[in-house]
Amino acid sequence: MNMTNSYLIYGRGKVNGVKEKNVVSYKVTYVSLYSKDTPPWSSGIKNEYFTLIKESDDAPWLIDDIGQG
């Protein structure tokens, strides 16, 4: 099962009524840099899924969920 289907069946998509065509998930790899005095986060390479939704065909894409999958 991919992250979009998981979002629709088990996540916020189950309750917010968004249509499948208006949901997309991306696996994103990025580098985060934090001061060593900024717990609990640490610097390094991160891998997370970002789920974007839009309310209608003409609406902008918005981040609705972030997670590790």
N, C-alpha and C. Protein backbone atom coordinates (compact mmCIF):
# COMPACT_ATOMS: atom_id res chain seq x y z
N MET A 1 0.85 -1.18 0.00
CA MET A 1 0.00 0.00 0.00
C MET A 1 0.90 1.24 0.00
N ASN A 2 0.59 2.18 -0.88
CA ASN A 2 1.39 3.39 -0.91
C ASN A 2 0.90 4.40 0.12
N MET A 3 1.67 5.46 0.31
CA MET A 3 1.36 6.44 1.36
C MET A 3 0.05 7.20 1.10
N THR A 4 -0.26 7.45 -0.16
CA THR A 4 -1.51 8.14 -0.47
C THR A 4 -2.71 7.29 -0.06
N ASN A 5 -2.68 6.01 -0.42
CA ASN A 5 -3.77 5.11 -0.02
C ASN A 5 -3.85 4.97 1.49
N SER A 6 -2.71 4.87 2.14
CA SER A 6 -2.68 4.77 3.60
C SER A 6 -3.30 6.01 4.23
N TYR A 7 -2.99 7.18 3.69
CA TYR A 7 -3.56 8.44 4.18
C TYR A 7 -5.08 8.42 4.05
N LEU A 8 -5.58 7.96 2.91
CA LEU A 8 -7.02 7.95 2.66
C LEU A 8 -7.76 6.93 3.51
N ILE A 9 -7.15 5.79 3.78
CA ILE A 9 -7.82 4.72 4.51
C ILE A 9 -7.66 4.84 6.02
N TYR A 10 -6.44 5.17 6.48
CA TYR A 10 -6.14 5.16 7.91
C TYR A 10 -5.86 6.54 8.52
N GLY A 11 -5.53 7.50 7.68
CA GLY A 11 -5.11 8.81 8.19
C GLY A 11 -6.21 9.85 8.12
N ARG A 12 -5.78 11.11 8.01
CA ARG A 12 -6.72 12.24 8.02
C ARG A 12 -7.67 12.22 6.84
N GLY A 13 -7.29 11.56 5.75
CA GLY A 13 -8.17 11.46 4.59
C GLY A 13 -9.45 10.70 4.89
N LYS A 14 -9.41 9.89 5.91
CA LYS A 14 -10.59 9.13 6.33
C LYS A 14 -11.67 10.05 6.89
N VAL A 15 -11.28 11.19 7.45
CA VAL A 15 -12.25 12.08 8.10
C VAL A 15 -12.44 13.43 7.41
N ASN A 16 -11.50 13.85 6.56
CA ASN A 16 -11.61 15.19 5.99
C ASN A 16 -12.34 15.23 4.65
N GLY A 17 -12.68 14.09 4.08
CA GLY A 17 -13.48 14.05 2.86
C GLY A 17 -12.76 14.42 1.58
N VAL A 18 -11.44 14.49 1.61
CA VAL A 18 -10.69 14.84 0.41
C VAL A 18 -10.80 13.71 -0.62
N LYS A 19 -10.87 14.08 -1.90
CA LYS A 19 -10.96 13.10 -2.98
C LYS A 19 -9.57 12.58 -3.32
N GLU A 20 -9.50 11.33 -3.76
CA GLU A 20 -8.22 10.71 -4.07
C GLU A 20 -7.42 11.51 -5.09
N LYS A 21 -8.08 12.10 -6.07
CA LYS A 21 -7.36 12.87 -7.10
C LYS A 21 -6.74 14.15 -6.53
N ASN A 22 -7.13 14.54 -5.33
CA ASN A 22 -6.60 15.75 -4.70
C ASN A 22 -5.65 15.45 -3.55
N VAL A 23 -5.04 14.27 -3.59
CA VAL A 23 -4.06 13.86 -2.58
C VAL A 23 -2.82 13.35 -3.29
N VAL A 24 -1.66 13.77 -2.83
CA VAL A 24 -0.40 13.26 -3.36
C VAL A 24 0.60 13.19 -2.22
N SER A 25 1.44 12.14 -2.23
CA SER A 25 2.47 11.97 -1.20
C SER A 25 3.84 11.89 -1.86
N TYR A 26 4.81 12.53 -1.22
CA TYR A 26 6.18 12.52 -1.71
C TYR A 26 7.11 12.07 -0.59
N LYS A 27 8.06 11.21 -0.94
CA LYS A 27 9.13 10.87 0.00
C LYS A 27 10.24 11.89 -0.23
N VAL A 28 10.59 12.62 0.82
CA VAL A 28 11.53 13.72 0.72
C VAL A 28 12.76 13.44 1.57
N THR A 29 13.93 13.63 1.00
CA THR A 29 15.18 13.54 1.73
C THR A 29 15.76 14.94 1.81
N TYR A 30 16.10 15.36 3.03
CA TYR A 30 16.63 16.71 3.22
C TYR A 30 17.63 16.71 4.36
N VAL A 31 18.43 17.75 4.41
CA VAL A 31 19.42 17.92 5.47
C VAL A 31 18.91 19.00 6.42
N SER A 32 18.87 18.67 7.70
CA SER A 32 18.49 19.67 8.70
C SER A 32 19.72 20.05 9.51
N LEU A 33 19.83 21.33 9.77
CA LEU A 33 20.96 21.85 10.55
C LEU A 33 20.42 22.59 11.76
N TYR A 34 20.70 22.08 12.92
CA TYR A 34 20.25 22.69 14.17
C TYR A 34 21.46 23.02 15.04
N SER A 35 21.30 24.00 15.87
CA SER A 35 22.31 24.29 16.87
C SER A 35 22.36 23.12 17.84
N LYS A 36 23.52 22.82 18.37
CA LYS A 36 23.61 21.72 19.34
C LYS A 36 22.86 22.04 20.62
N ASP A 37 22.42 23.29 20.76
CA ASP A 37 21.66 23.70 21.94
C ASP A 37 20.15 23.68 21.68
N THR A 38 19.70 22.95 20.65
CA THR A 38 18.29 22.93 20.27
C THR A 38 17.70 21.53 20.40
N PRO A 39 17.70 20.96 21.59
CA PRO A 39 17.11 19.63 21.73
C PRO A 39 15.60 19.73 21.57
N PRO A 40 14.87 18.73 21.20
CA PRO A 40 15.29 17.34 21.02
C PRO A 40 15.71 17.01 19.60
N TRP A 41 15.81 17.99 18.71
CA TRP A 41 16.14 17.71 17.32
C TRP A 41 17.65 17.63 17.14
N SER A 42 18.04 16.82 16.18
CA SER A 42 19.46 16.72 15.87
C SER A 42 19.66 17.00 14.38
N SER A 43 20.83 17.47 14.05
CA SER A 43 21.16 17.73 12.65
C SER A 43 21.38 16.42 11.93
N GLY A 44 21.21 16.45 10.63
CA GLY A 44 21.49 15.26 9.84
C GLY A 44 20.55 15.12 8.66
N ILE A 45 20.70 14.00 7.98
CA ILE A 45 19.87 13.69 6.82
C ILE A 45 18.57 13.07 7.31
N LYS A 46 17.45 13.60 6.83
CA LYS A 46 16.13 13.14 7.24
C LYS A 46 15.39 12.59 6.02
N ASN A 47 14.59 11.56 6.23
CA ASN A 47 13.71 11.00 5.21
C ASN A 47 12.30 10.99 5.76
N GLU A 48 11.40 11.71 5.12
CA GLU A 48 10.02 11.77 5.59
C GLU A 48 9.07 11.84 4.40
N TYR A 49 7.84 11.44 4.64
CA TYR A 49 6.79 11.57 3.64
C TYR A 49 5.99 12.84 3.91
N PHE A 50 5.75 13.61 2.87
CA PHE A 50 4.89 14.79 2.93
C PHE A 50 3.64 14.48 2.13
N THR A 51 2.48 14.61 2.75
CA THR A 51 1.21 14.41 2.05
C THR A 51 0.58 15.78 1.82
N LEU A 52 0.31 16.07 0.56
CA LEU A 52 -0.30 17.34 0.17
C LEU A 52 -1.72 17.09 -0.30
N ILE A 53 -2.60 18.03 0.02
CA ILE A 53 -3.99 17.93 -0.43
C ILE A 53 -4.42 19.28 -0.99
N LYS A 54 -5.49 19.24 -1.77
CA LYS A 54 -6.15 20.47 -2.19
C LYS A 54 -7.65 20.25 -2.10
N GLU A 55 -8.37 21.30 -1.76
CA GLU A 55 -9.80 21.19 -1.50
C GLU A 55 -10.62 21.06 -2.78
N SER A 56 -10.08 21.55 -3.90
CA SER A 56 -10.77 21.46 -5.19
C SER A 56 -9.71 21.48 -6.28
N ASP A 57 -10.15 21.29 -7.52
CA ASP A 57 -9.20 21.27 -8.63
C ASP A 57 -8.45 22.59 -8.79
N ASP A 58 -9.07 23.69 -8.41
CA ASP A 58 -8.46 25.01 -8.57
C ASP A 58 -7.72 25.51 -7.33
N ALA A 59 -7.80 24.77 -6.25
CA ALA A 59 -7.19 25.20 -4.98
C ALA A 59 -5.68 24.91 -4.99
N PRO A 60 -4.93 25.63 -4.17
CA PRO A 60 -3.49 25.37 -4.07
C PRO A 60 -3.22 24.10 -3.27
N TRP A 61 -2.08 23.48 -3.53
CA TRP A 61 -1.66 22.32 -2.76
C TRP A 61 -1.18 22.79 -1.39
N LEU A 62 -1.60 22.09 -0.33
CA LEU A 62 -1.21 22.41 1.04
C LEU A 62 -0.68 21.16 1.72
N ILE A 63 0.34 21.31 2.56
CA ILE A 63 0.86 20.18 3.34
C ILE A 63 -0.16 19.86 4.42
N ASP A 64 -0.61 18.60 4.44
CA ASP A 64 -1.59 18.18 5.44
C ASP A 64 -1.00 17.19 6.44
N ASP A 65 0.07 16.50 6.06
CA ASP A 65 0.63 15.50 6.96
C ASP A 65 2.11 15.31 6.64
N ILE A 66 2.88 15.06 7.68
CA ILE A 66 4.30 14.76 7.54
C ILE A 66 4.58 13.57 8.44
N GLY A 67 5.27 12.57 7.90
CA GLY A 67 5.58 11.40 8.72
C GLY A 67 6.65 10.55 8.08
N GLN A 68 7.07 9.54 8.82
CA GLN A 68 8.15 8.68 8.36
C GLN A 68 7.67 7.47 7.60
N GLY A 69 6.38 7.26 7.55
CA GLY A 69 5.83 6.15 6.78
C GLY A 69 6.03 4.89 7.47
